[in-house]
């Protein structure tokens, strides 16, 4: 599996033909196929290309929705 830094992850923002990846608790998911991440944003609040760990913990749904999407790597906090 690929190891992503936050800078690497930010390139996968779902805009201008880029894939849409999000991180949650150290894993990176490809949400490109999600209807809800069209254009790289989910409900005008969550952006692809970022670590959503804190945001998902406060969302009306839990992380089990991410299990529908492939894990493409892990997130490191070391740049």
C-alpha atoms as a PDB file:
ATOM      1  CA  UNK A   1       0.000   0.000   0.000  1.00  0.00           C
ATOM      2  CA  UNK A   2       1.105   3.522  -0.709  1.00  0.00           C
ATOM      3  CA  UNK A   3       1.979   5.839   2.182  1.00  0.00           C
ATOM      4  CA  UNK A   4       0.539   9.353   1.792  1.00  0.00           C
ATOM      5  CA  UNK A   5       1.587  12.569   3.490  1.00  0.00           C
ATOM      6  CA  UNK A   6      -1.041  15.280   3.938  1.00  0.00           C
ATOM      7  CA  UNK A   7       0.562  17.081   0.986  1.00  0.00           C
ATOM      8  CA  UNK A   8       0.282  13.952  -1.199  1.00  0.00           C
ATOM      9  CA  UNK A   9      -3.324  13.470  -0.149  1.00  0.00           C
ATOM     10  CA  UNK A  10      -4.241  17.056  -1.008  1.00  0.00           C
ATOM     11  CA  UNK A  11      -3.582  16.328  -4.698  1.00  0.00           C
ATOM     12  CA  UNK A  12      -6.505  13.884  -4.704  1.00  0.00           C
ATOM     13  CA  UNK A  13      -9.150  16.544  -4.236  1.00  0.00           C
ATOM     14  CA  UNK A  14     -11.687  15.312  -6.806  1.00  0.00           C
ATOM     15  CA  UNK A  15     -11.451  18.490  -8.867  1.00  0.00           C
ATOM     16  CA  UNK A  16     -10.358  19.028 -12.471  1.00  0.00           C
ATOM     17  CA  UNK A  17     -10.264  15.313 -13.242  1.00  0.00           C
ATOM     18  CA  UNK A  18      -8.352  14.287 -10.115  1.00  0.00           C
ATOM     19  CA  UNK A  19      -9.396  11.259  -8.112  1.00  0.00           C
ATOM     20  CA  UNK A  20     -11.074  11.895  -4.750  1.00  0.00           C
ATOM     21  CA  UNK A  21      -9.314  10.406  -1.722  1.00  0.00           C
ATOM     22  CA  UNK A  22     -10.016  10.960   1.959  1.00  0.00           C
ATOM     23  CA  UNK A  23      -8.210   9.768   5.044  1.00  0.00           C
ATOM     24  CA  UNK A  24      -9.797   8.461   8.214  1.00  0.00           C
ATOM     25  CA  UNK A  25      -7.872   7.165  11.218  1.00  0.00           C
ATOM     26  CA  UNK A  26      -4.703   6.523   9.257  1.00  0.00           C
ATOM     27  CA  UNK A  27      -6.226   4.868   6.182  1.00  0.00           C
ATOM     28  CA  UNK A  28      -6.753   6.518   2.794  1.00  0.00           C
ATOM     29  CA  UNK A  29      -9.948   5.674   0.895  1.00  0.00           C
ATOM     30  CA  UNK A  30     -10.773   6.243  -2.770  1.00  0.00           C
ATOM     31  CA  UNK A  31     -14.210   7.895  -2.741  1.00  0.00           C
ATOM     32  CA  UNK A  32     -14.045   8.891  -6.421  1.00  0.00           C
ATOM     33  CA  UNK A  33     -17.062   6.720  -7.200  1.00  0.00           C
ATOM     34  CA  UNK A  34     -19.235   8.317  -4.544  1.00  0.00           C
ATOM     35  CA  UNK A  35     -22.157  10.398  -5.763  1.00  0.00           C
ATOM     36  CA  UNK A  36     -21.737  12.475  -2.620  1.00  0.00           C
ATOM     37  CA  UNK A  37     -18.144  13.497  -3.416  1.00  0.00           C
ATOM     38  CA  UNK A  38     -18.853  14.888  -6.894  1.00  0.00           C
ATOM     39  CA  UNK A  39     -16.569  17.827  -7.495  1.00  0.00           C
ATOM     40  CA  UNK A  40     -14.516  16.910  -4.437  1.00  0.00           C
ATOM     41  CA  UNK A  41     -16.978  18.107  -1.781  1.00  0.00           C
ATOM     42  CA  UNK A  42     -19.466  16.278   0.387  1.00  0.00           C
ATOM     43  CA  UNK A  43     -22.374  18.380   1.618  1.00  0.00           C
ATOM     44  CA  UNK A  44     -20.334  21.592   1.211  1.00  0.00           C
ATOM     45  CA  UNK A  45     -18.524  20.632   4.367  1.00  0.00           C
ATOM     46  CA  UNK A  46     -16.109  17.775   3.777  1.00  0.00           C
ATOM     47  CA  UNK A  47     -13.371  18.087   1.180  1.00  0.00           C
ATOM     48  CA  UNK A  48     -11.669  15.294  -0.696  1.00  0.00           C
ATOM     49  CA  UNK A  49      -7.915  15.403  -0.410  1.00  0.00           C
ATOM     50  CA  UNK A  50      -7.959  15.789   3.360  1.00  0.00           C
ATOM     51  CA  UNK A  51      -7.975  13.879   6.631  1.00  0.00           C
ATOM     52  CA  UNK A  52     -11.599  13.653   7.770  1.00  0.00           C
ATOM     53  CA  UNK A  53     -10.948  11.843  11.066  1.00  0.00           C
ATOM     54  CA  UNK A  54     -12.278  14.632  13.280  1.00  0.00           C
ATOM     55  CA  UNK A  55     -15.093  15.540  10.901  1.00  0.00           C
ATOM     56  CA  UNK A  56     -16.501  12.028  10.491  1.00  0.00           C
ATOM     57  CA  UNK A  57     -16.519  11.555  14.245  1.00  0.00           C
ATOM     58  CA  UNK A  58     -18.979  14.496  14.368  1.00  0.00           C
ATOM     59  CA  UNK A  59     -21.065  13.465  11.313  1.00  0.00           C
ATOM     60  CA  UNK A  60     -24.596  12.036  11.514  1.00  0.00           C
ATOM     61  CA  UNK A  61     -23.246   8.714  10.189  1.00  0.00           C
ATOM     62  CA  UNK A  62     -20.302   6.638  11.328  1.00  0.00           C
ATOM     63  CA  UNK A  63     -17.187   5.453   9.571  1.00  0.00           C
ATOM     64  CA  UNK A  64     -18.846   2.234   8.391  1.00  0.00           C
ATOM     65  CA  UNK A  65     -19.866   4.069   5.204  1.00  0.00           C
ATOM     66  CA  UNK A  66     -16.195   4.288   4.255  1.00  0.00           C
ATOM     67  CA  UNK A  67     -16.000   0.488   4.179  1.00  0.00           C
ATOM     68  CA  UNK A  68     -17.830   0.650   0.841  1.00  0.00           C
ATOM     69  CA  UNK A  69     -14.758   2.215  -0.745  1.00  0.00           C
ATOM     70  CA  UNK A  70     -11.329   0.747  -1.477  1.00  0.00           C
ATOM     71  CA  UNK A  71      -8.409   1.481   0.812  1.00  0.00           C
ATOM     72  CA  UNK A  72      -5.574   2.784  -1.347  1.00  0.00           C
ATOM     73  CA  UNK A  73      -2.985   3.514   1.284  1.00  0.00           C
ATOM     74  CA  UNK A  74      -2.146   4.837   4.706  1.00  0.00           C
ATOM     75  CA  UNK A  75      -1.596   8.340   6.008  1.00  0.00           C
ATOM     76  CA  UNK A  76       1.591   9.394   7.742  1.00  0.00           C
ATOM     77  CA  UNK A  77       1.924  12.600   9.683  1.00  0.00           C
ATOM     78  CA  UNK A  78       5.659  12.761   8.908  1.00  0.00           C
ATOM     79  CA  UNK A  79       6.340  15.048   5.959  1.00  0.00           C
END
